[in-house]
Amino acid sequence: MAHSNYFAPQSAVEQIKRHPKYYLNGGDVHFLVENYIYRVHRYFFERESAWFREKLGAPAPAGQAPKGSSDANPFPLDDVAADDFSKFLWVFYNP
């Protein structure tokens, strides 16, 4: 008999989705924050942060795409909540 309260876990890939507000057509860097992919402009991060200038400017290993270059190879921000990152991006993209 099947258990009615058993749910099959979804794979991590199935759970990741593009952020509804900050997945921008002209964006050139992809960040993974929680289950969201953000595509935004690296210019703001490189302009305002030596840490991001160093991390985003680091050359990729031979034969690999640089981190942050696509949805398939996003730059992970592990210690950041999606809600907080969205609020941070609002500073750059507020109307």
N, C-alpha and C. Protein backbone atom coordinates (compact mmCIF):
# COMPACT_ATOMS: atom_id res chain seq x y z
N MET A 1 0.84 -1.18 0.00
CA MET A 1 0.00 0.00 0.00
C MET A 1 0.88 1.25 0.00
N ALA A 2 0.56 2.21 -0.83
CA ALA A 2 1.34 3.45 -0.93
C ALA A 2 1.05 4.36 0.25
N HIS A 3 2.06 5.07 0.66
CA HIS A 3 1.89 6.03 1.74
C HIS A 3 1.37 7.34 1.16
N SER A 4 0.30 7.85 1.70
CA SER A 4 -0.31 9.06 1.13
C SER A 4 0.48 10.33 1.44
N ASN A 5 1.34 10.28 2.45
CA ASN A 5 2.08 11.49 2.80
C ASN A 5 3.52 11.48 2.27
N TYR A 6 3.82 10.57 1.37
CA TYR A 6 5.17 10.50 0.79
C TYR A 6 5.22 11.34 -0.49
N PHE A 7 6.20 12.21 -0.56
CA PHE A 7 6.41 13.02 -1.75
C PHE A 7 7.80 12.76 -2.27
N ALA A 8 7.93 12.49 -3.55
CA ALA A 8 9.25 12.29 -4.15
C ALA A 8 9.97 13.63 -4.20
N PRO A 9 11.22 13.67 -3.74
CA PRO A 9 11.95 14.94 -3.79
C PRO A 9 12.24 15.35 -5.24
N GLN A 10 12.14 16.62 -5.49
CA GLN A 10 12.49 17.13 -6.82
C GLN A 10 14.00 17.30 -6.89
N SER A 11 14.55 17.18 -8.07
CA SER A 11 15.98 17.40 -8.22
C SER A 11 16.26 18.89 -8.11
N ALA A 12 17.49 19.21 -7.79
CA ALA A 12 17.87 20.62 -7.64
C ALA A 12 17.65 21.39 -8.94
N VAL A 13 17.87 20.73 -10.06
CA VAL A 13 17.71 21.40 -11.35
C VAL A 13 16.26 21.81 -11.57
N GLU A 14 15.34 20.96 -11.20
CA GLU A 14 13.92 21.26 -11.38
C GLU A 14 13.49 22.46 -10.53
N GLN A 15 14.11 22.66 -9.40
CA GLN A 15 13.71 23.71 -8.49
C GLN A 15 14.27 25.08 -8.88
N ILE A 16 15.33 25.12 -9.65
CA ILE A 16 15.96 26.40 -10.01
C ILE A 16 15.13 27.08 -11.09
N LYS A 17 14.86 28.36 -10.89
CA LYS A 17 14.10 29.10 -11.89
C LYS A 17 14.68 30.51 -12.03
N ARG A 18 14.35 31.12 -13.14
CA ARG A 18 14.80 32.49 -13.39
C ARG A 18 14.01 33.44 -12.51
N HIS A 19 14.71 34.41 -11.96
CA HIS A 19 14.03 35.37 -11.11
C HIS A 19 13.06 36.19 -11.95
N PRO A 20 11.83 36.38 -11.49
CA PRO A 20 10.82 37.06 -12.32
C PRO A 20 11.11 38.54 -12.60
N LYS A 21 11.86 39.20 -11.73
CA LYS A 21 12.13 40.62 -11.92
C LYS A 21 13.57 40.90 -12.37
N TYR A 22 14.52 40.14 -11.85
CA TYR A 22 15.93 40.44 -12.10
C TYR A 22 16.61 39.38 -12.98
N TYR A 23 15.92 38.94 -14.00
CA TYR A 23 16.53 38.15 -15.07
C TYR A 23 16.40 39.04 -16.30
N LEU A 24 17.41 39.88 -16.49
CA LEU A 24 17.34 40.97 -17.46
C LEU A 24 17.91 40.58 -18.82
N ASN A 25 17.23 41.01 -19.87
CA ASN A 25 17.67 40.69 -21.23
C ASN A 25 19.10 41.13 -21.50
N GLY A 26 19.49 42.29 -21.05
CA GLY A 26 20.84 42.79 -21.32
C GLY A 26 21.87 42.39 -20.28
N GLY A 27 21.46 41.59 -19.30
CA GLY A 27 22.39 41.19 -18.25
C GLY A 27 23.53 40.33 -18.78
N ASP A 28 24.70 40.48 -18.17
CA ASP A 28 25.86 39.74 -18.66
C ASP A 28 26.56 38.93 -17.56
N VAL A 29 25.91 38.80 -16.41
CA VAL A 29 26.43 37.91 -15.37
C VAL A 29 25.23 37.20 -14.73
N HIS A 30 25.42 35.92 -14.47
CA HIS A 30 24.37 35.08 -13.90
C HIS A 30 24.76 34.70 -12.48
N PHE A 31 23.88 34.97 -11.52
CA PHE A 31 24.10 34.58 -10.14
C PHE A 31 23.06 33.54 -9.74
N LEU A 32 23.47 32.58 -8.94
CA LEU A 32 22.55 31.62 -8.36
C LEU A 32 22.41 31.96 -6.88
N VAL A 33 21.20 32.33 -6.48
CA VAL A 33 20.91 32.66 -5.09
C VAL A 33 19.69 31.84 -4.69
N GLU A 34 19.90 30.97 -3.71
CA GLU A 34 18.88 29.99 -3.34
C GLU A 34 18.44 29.25 -4.60
N ASN A 35 17.18 29.32 -4.98
CA ASN A 35 16.70 28.60 -6.16
C ASN A 35 16.47 29.51 -7.35
N TYR A 36 17.05 30.68 -7.34
CA TYR A 36 16.83 31.63 -8.43
C TYR A 36 18.11 31.94 -9.18
N ILE A 37 17.95 32.05 -10.50
CA ILE A 37 19.02 32.57 -11.36
C ILE A 37 18.70 34.04 -11.62
N TYR A 38 19.65 34.89 -11.33
CA TYR A 38 19.55 36.32 -11.63
C TYR A 38 20.49 36.59 -12.80
N ARG A 39 20.03 37.34 -13.78
CA ARG A 39 20.91 37.79 -14.87
C ARG A 39 20.88 39.31 -14.84
N VAL A 40 21.99 39.88 -14.43
CA VAL A 40 22.09 41.31 -14.23
C VAL A 40 23.38 41.83 -14.86
N HIS A 41 23.68 43.09 -14.65
CA HIS A 41 24.85 43.72 -15.27
C HIS A 41 26.05 43.67 -14.32
N ARG A 42 27.08 43.03 -14.77
CA ARG A 42 28.28 42.89 -13.94
C ARG A 42 28.93 44.24 -13.65
N TYR A 43 28.68 45.23 -14.48
CA TYR A 43 29.26 46.55 -14.32
C TYR A 43 29.08 47.07 -12.89
N PHE A 44 27.86 46.96 -12.35
CA PHE A 44 27.59 47.48 -11.01
C PHE A 44 28.43 46.77 -9.96
N PHE A 45 28.59 45.48 -10.10
CA PHE A 45 29.34 44.70 -9.12
C PHE A 45 30.84 45.00 -9.21
N GLU A 46 31.35 45.11 -10.42
CA GLU A 46 32.77 45.42 -10.59
C GLU A 46 33.08 46.85 -10.20
N ARG A 47 32.16 47.76 -10.44
CA ARG A 47 32.36 49.17 -10.08
C ARG A 47 32.40 49.35 -8.57
N GLU A 48 31.54 48.63 -7.84
CA GLU A 48 31.35 48.89 -6.43
C GLU A 48 32.12 47.96 -5.49
N SER A 49 32.73 46.89 -6.00
CA SER A 49 33.30 45.89 -5.10
C SER A 49 34.60 45.31 -5.63
N ALA A 50 35.66 45.50 -4.87
CA ALA A 50 36.94 44.89 -5.23
C ALA A 50 36.83 43.36 -5.22
N TRP A 51 36.04 42.82 -4.31
CA TRP A 51 35.86 41.37 -4.22
C TRP A 51 35.24 40.84 -5.50
N PHE A 52 34.16 41.49 -5.97
CA PHE A 52 33.53 41.05 -7.21
C PHE A 52 34.44 41.30 -8.41
N ARG A 53 35.19 42.41 -8.43
CA ARG A 53 36.13 42.65 -9.52
C ARG A 53 37.11 41.49 -9.63
N GLU A 54 37.60 41.04 -8.48
CA GLU A 54 38.56 39.93 -8.48
C GLU A 54 37.89 38.62 -8.89
N LYS A 55 36.75 38.31 -8.30
CA LYS A 55 36.09 37.02 -8.56
C LYS A 55 35.54 36.93 -9.99
N LEU A 56 34.92 37.99 -10.46
CA LEU A 56 34.33 37.96 -11.81
C LEU A 56 35.39 38.10 -12.89
N GLY A 57 36.54 38.67 -12.55
CA GLY A 57 37.60 38.85 -13.52
C GLY A 57 38.59 37.70 -13.59
N ALA A 58 38.44 36.73 -12.69
CA ALA A 58 39.37 35.60 -12.67
C ALA A 58 39.21 34.77 -13.94
N PRO A 59 40.32 34.38 -14.56
CA PRO A 59 40.21 33.56 -15.77
C PRO A 59 39.66 32.17 -15.44
N ALA A 60 38.90 31.65 -16.35
CA ALA A 60 38.33 30.30 -16.19
C ALA A 60 39.40 29.26 -16.49
N PRO A 61 39.32 28.12 -15.86
CA PRO A 61 40.25 27.03 -16.22
C PRO A 61 40.12 26.68 -17.70
N ALA A 62 41.19 26.21 -18.28
CA ALA A 62 41.19 25.87 -19.70
C ALA A 62 40.04 24.94 -20.04
N GLY A 63 39.33 25.28 -21.10
CA GLY A 63 38.24 24.45 -21.56
C GLY A 63 36.93 24.64 -20.81
N GLN A 64 36.89 25.57 -19.86
CA GLN A 64 35.67 25.81 -19.09
C GLN A 64 35.19 27.24 -19.29
N ALA A 65 33.89 27.42 -19.21
CA ALA A 65 33.31 28.77 -19.28
C ALA A 65 33.51 29.45 -17.93
N PRO A 66 33.68 30.77 -17.93
CA PRO A 66 33.84 31.47 -16.64
C PRO A 66 32.57 31.36 -15.80
N LYS A 67 32.76 31.31 -14.49
CA LYS A 67 31.64 31.27 -13.57
C LYS A 67 30.81 32.53 -13.76
N GLY A 68 29.51 32.35 -13.85
CA GLY A 68 28.61 33.48 -14.03
C GLY A 68 28.30 33.78 -15.48
N SER A 69 28.80 32.95 -16.40
CA SER A 69 28.65 33.25 -17.82
C SER A 69 27.33 32.77 -18.42
N SER A 70 26.59 31.93 -17.71
CA SER A 70 25.34 31.40 -18.27
C SER A 70 24.47 30.82 -17.17
N ASP A 71 23.22 30.47 -17.53
CA ASP A 71 22.33 29.79 -16.59
C ASP A 71 22.94 28.46 -16.14
N ALA A 72 23.63 27.80 -17.05
CA ALA A 72 24.22 26.50 -16.75
C ALA A 72 25.48 26.62 -15.89
N ASN A 73 26.06 27.80 -15.83
CA ASN A 73 27.30 28.00 -15.07
C ASN A 73 27.20 29.31 -14.27
N PRO A 74 26.22 29.41 -13.37
CA PRO A 74 26.05 30.67 -12.64
C PRO A 74 27.11 30.84 -11.55
N PHE A 75 27.26 32.07 -11.11
CA PHE A 75 28.14 32.39 -9.98
C PHE A 75 27.30 32.20 -8.71
N PRO A 76 27.63 31.21 -7.88
CA PRO A 76 26.79 30.97 -6.70
C PRO A 76 27.09 31.95 -5.57
N LEU A 77 26.03 32.44 -4.96
CA LEU A 77 26.14 33.26 -3.75
C LEU A 77 25.46 32.47 -2.63
N ASP A 78 26.23 31.64 -1.97
CA ASP A 78 25.69 30.66 -1.03
C ASP A 78 25.17 31.25 0.27
N ASP A 79 25.75 32.32 0.74
CA ASP A 79 25.37 32.87 2.05
C ASP A 79 24.42 34.04 1.94
N VAL A 80 23.65 34.10 0.86
CA VAL A 80 22.75 35.22 0.61
C VAL A 80 21.34 34.67 0.39
N ALA A 81 20.36 35.34 0.99
CA ALA A 81 18.96 34.98 0.76
C ALA A 81 18.47 35.68 -0.51
N ALA A 82 17.62 35.00 -1.27
CA ALA A 82 17.10 35.58 -2.52
C ALA A 82 16.37 36.90 -2.25
N ASP A 83 15.61 36.95 -1.19
CA ASP A 83 14.88 38.18 -0.86
C ASP A 83 15.85 39.33 -0.59
N ASP A 84 16.93 39.06 0.14
CA ASP A 84 17.93 40.09 0.42
C ASP A 84 18.65 40.53 -0.85
N PHE A 85 18.99 39.58 -1.72
CA PHE A 85 19.69 39.92 -2.96
C PHE A 85 18.79 40.78 -3.85
N SER A 86 17.51 40.44 -3.91
CA SER A 86 16.56 41.24 -4.70
C SER A 86 16.47 42.67 -4.16
N LYS A 87 16.45 42.81 -2.86
CA LYS A 87 16.41 44.15 -2.25
C LYS A 87 17.69 44.91 -2.56
N PHE A 88 18.82 44.22 -2.53
CA PHE A 88 20.10 44.84 -2.88
C PHE A 88 20.10 45.31 -4.33
N LEU A 89 19.60 44.47 -5.24
CA LEU A 89 19.56 44.84 -6.65
C LEU A 89 18.65 46.04 -6.90
N TRP A 90 17.63 46.20 -6.08
CA TRP A 90 16.73 47.34 -6.22
C TRP A 90 17.51 48.65 -6.16
N VAL A 91 18.58 48.69 -5.39
CA VAL A 91 19.41 49.90 -5.28
C VAL A 91 19.94 50.30 -6.66
N PHE A 92 20.34 49.31 -7.46
CA PHE A 92 20.88 49.59 -8.79
C PHE A 92 19.78 49.80 -9.84
N TYR A 93 18.67 49.11 -9.67
CA TYR A 93 17.65 49.08 -10.71
C TYR A 93 16.33 49.75 -10.32
N ASN A 94 16.31 50.55 -9.27
CA ASN A 94 15.03 51.17 -8.88
C ASN A 94 14.56 52.14 -9.95
N PRO A 95 13.24 52.24 -10.11
CA PRO A 95 12.69 53.07 -11.21
C PRO A 95 12.91 54.54 -11.03
